[in-house]
Amino acid sequence: MHGILYGLCSGSFRVIDAVVWAKYFGRQYLGAIRGVTTLGATSGTALGAFPLGLSMDLLGSYDPALKGFIGCTLLIACSVLFTKRPQKVV
């Protein structure tokens, strides 16, 4: 059951993700925009282990780093509420 739900979520996320980028920014610069965001996501994934390791080495627990990650996520989620939709480039 987990595999089925994971597949449905993952597959629908990829479709929705592609549609939203094109809807918001148009298709002209879609490759460049996706390239920059992919670079950011990959960098975040690669560097995310560093604060966790540092937290464990210095403080003996992952909790401070995880709480920091939660704080960053909440900050970004709140900023999305006040972000205006970009204008399409024609």
Protein backbone atom coordinates (compact mmCIF):
# COMPACT_ATOMS: atom_id res chain seq x y z
CA MET A 1 0.00 0.00 0.00
CA HIS A 2 2.84 2.37 0.85
CA GLY A 3 4.42 1.79 -2.56
CA ILE A 4 1.17 2.55 -4.36
CA LEU A 5 0.56 5.78 -2.44
CA TYR A 6 4.19 6.85 -2.83
CA GLY A 7 4.00 6.23 -6.58
CA LEU A 8 0.77 8.20 -6.91
CA CYS A 9 2.12 11.14 -4.93
CA SER A 10 5.48 11.16 -6.67
CA GLY A 11 4.00 10.84 -10.15
CA SER A 12 1.34 13.49 -9.63
CA PHE A 13 3.88 15.86 -8.04
CA ARG A 14 6.06 15.71 -11.15
CA VAL A 15 3.12 16.52 -13.42
CA ILE A 16 1.78 19.30 -11.20
CA ASP A 17 5.28 20.71 -10.74
CA ALA A 18 5.86 20.99 -14.50
CA VAL A 19 2.46 22.59 -15.11
CA VAL A 20 2.86 25.16 -12.33
CA TRP A 21 6.29 26.35 -13.53
CA ALA A 22 4.99 26.82 -17.08
CA LYS A 23 1.80 28.52 -15.86
CA TYR A 24 3.68 30.98 -13.65
CA PHE A 25 6.67 31.84 -15.81
CA GLY A 26 5.71 30.88 -19.36
CA ARG A 27 7.74 28.56 -21.56
CA GLN A 28 10.33 30.93 -22.98
CA TYR A 29 12.78 30.85 -20.04
CA LEU A 30 11.49 27.69 -18.37
CA GLY A 31 14.75 25.78 -18.86
CA ALA A 32 16.87 28.50 -17.28
CA ILE A 33 14.51 28.93 -14.34
CA ARG A 34 14.32 25.17 -13.71
CA GLY A 35 18.11 24.95 -13.96
CA VAL A 36 18.61 27.52 -11.21
CA THR A 37 16.00 25.98 -8.94
CA THR A 38 17.43 22.49 -9.49
CA LEU A 39 20.88 23.81 -8.57
CA GLY A 40 19.44 25.27 -5.36
CA ALA A 41 17.57 22.07 -4.48
CA THR A 42 20.62 19.89 -5.16
CA SER A 43 22.89 22.20 -3.16
CA GLY A 44 20.46 22.20 -0.27
CA THR A 45 20.29 18.43 -0.31
CA ALA A 46 24.07 18.11 -0.39
CA LEU A 47 24.72 20.71 2.32
CA GLY A 48 21.82 19.71 4.59
CA ALA A 49 23.84 16.93 6.20
CA PHE A 50 26.47 19.40 7.45
CA PRO A 51 24.28 21.14 10.07
CA LEU A 52 23.01 17.76 11.25
CA GLY A 53 26.53 16.40 11.70
CA LEU A 54 27.69 19.60 13.36
CA SER A 55 24.73 19.52 15.73
CA MET A 56 25.45 15.93 16.70
CA ASP A 57 29.19 16.56 17.17
CA LEU A 58 28.87 19.79 19.17
CA LEU A 59 25.59 19.31 21.02
CA GLY A 60 25.15 15.53 21.09
CA SER A 61 21.74 15.59 19.42
CA TYR A 62 20.09 16.20 16.07
CA ASP A 63 17.27 18.15 17.71
CA PRO A 64 18.77 21.68 17.43
CA ALA A 65 19.49 21.27 13.71
CA LEU A 66 16.07 19.74 13.05
CA LYS A 67 14.37 22.57 14.92
CA GLY A 68 16.37 25.02 12.81
CA PHE A 69 15.21 23.24 9.65
CA ILE A 70 11.61 23.44 10.86
CA GLY A 71 12.05 27.16 11.58
CA CYS A 72 13.41 27.77 8.07
CA THR A 73 10.54 25.80 6.54
CA LEU A 74 7.94 27.80 8.50
CA LEU A 75 9.63 31.08 7.53
CA ILE A 76 9.58 30.16 3.86
CA ALA A 77 5.97 28.91 4.08
CA CYS A 78 4.89 32.23 5.64
CA SER A 79 6.76 34.24 3.00
CA VAL A 80 4.91 32.37 0.25
CA LEU A 81 1.64 33.77 1.58
CA PHE A 82 2.84 37.32 0.80
CA THR A 83 4.51 36.60 -2.54
CA LYS A 84 2.75 38.00 -5.59
CA ARG A 85 2.32 35.94 -8.73
CA PRO A 86 4.94 36.87 -11.34
CA GLN A 87 3.86 38.34 -14.65
CA LYS A 88 4.24 36.12 -17.69
CA VAL A 89 6.87 37.12 -20.23
CA VAL A 90 5.22 37.28 -23.63
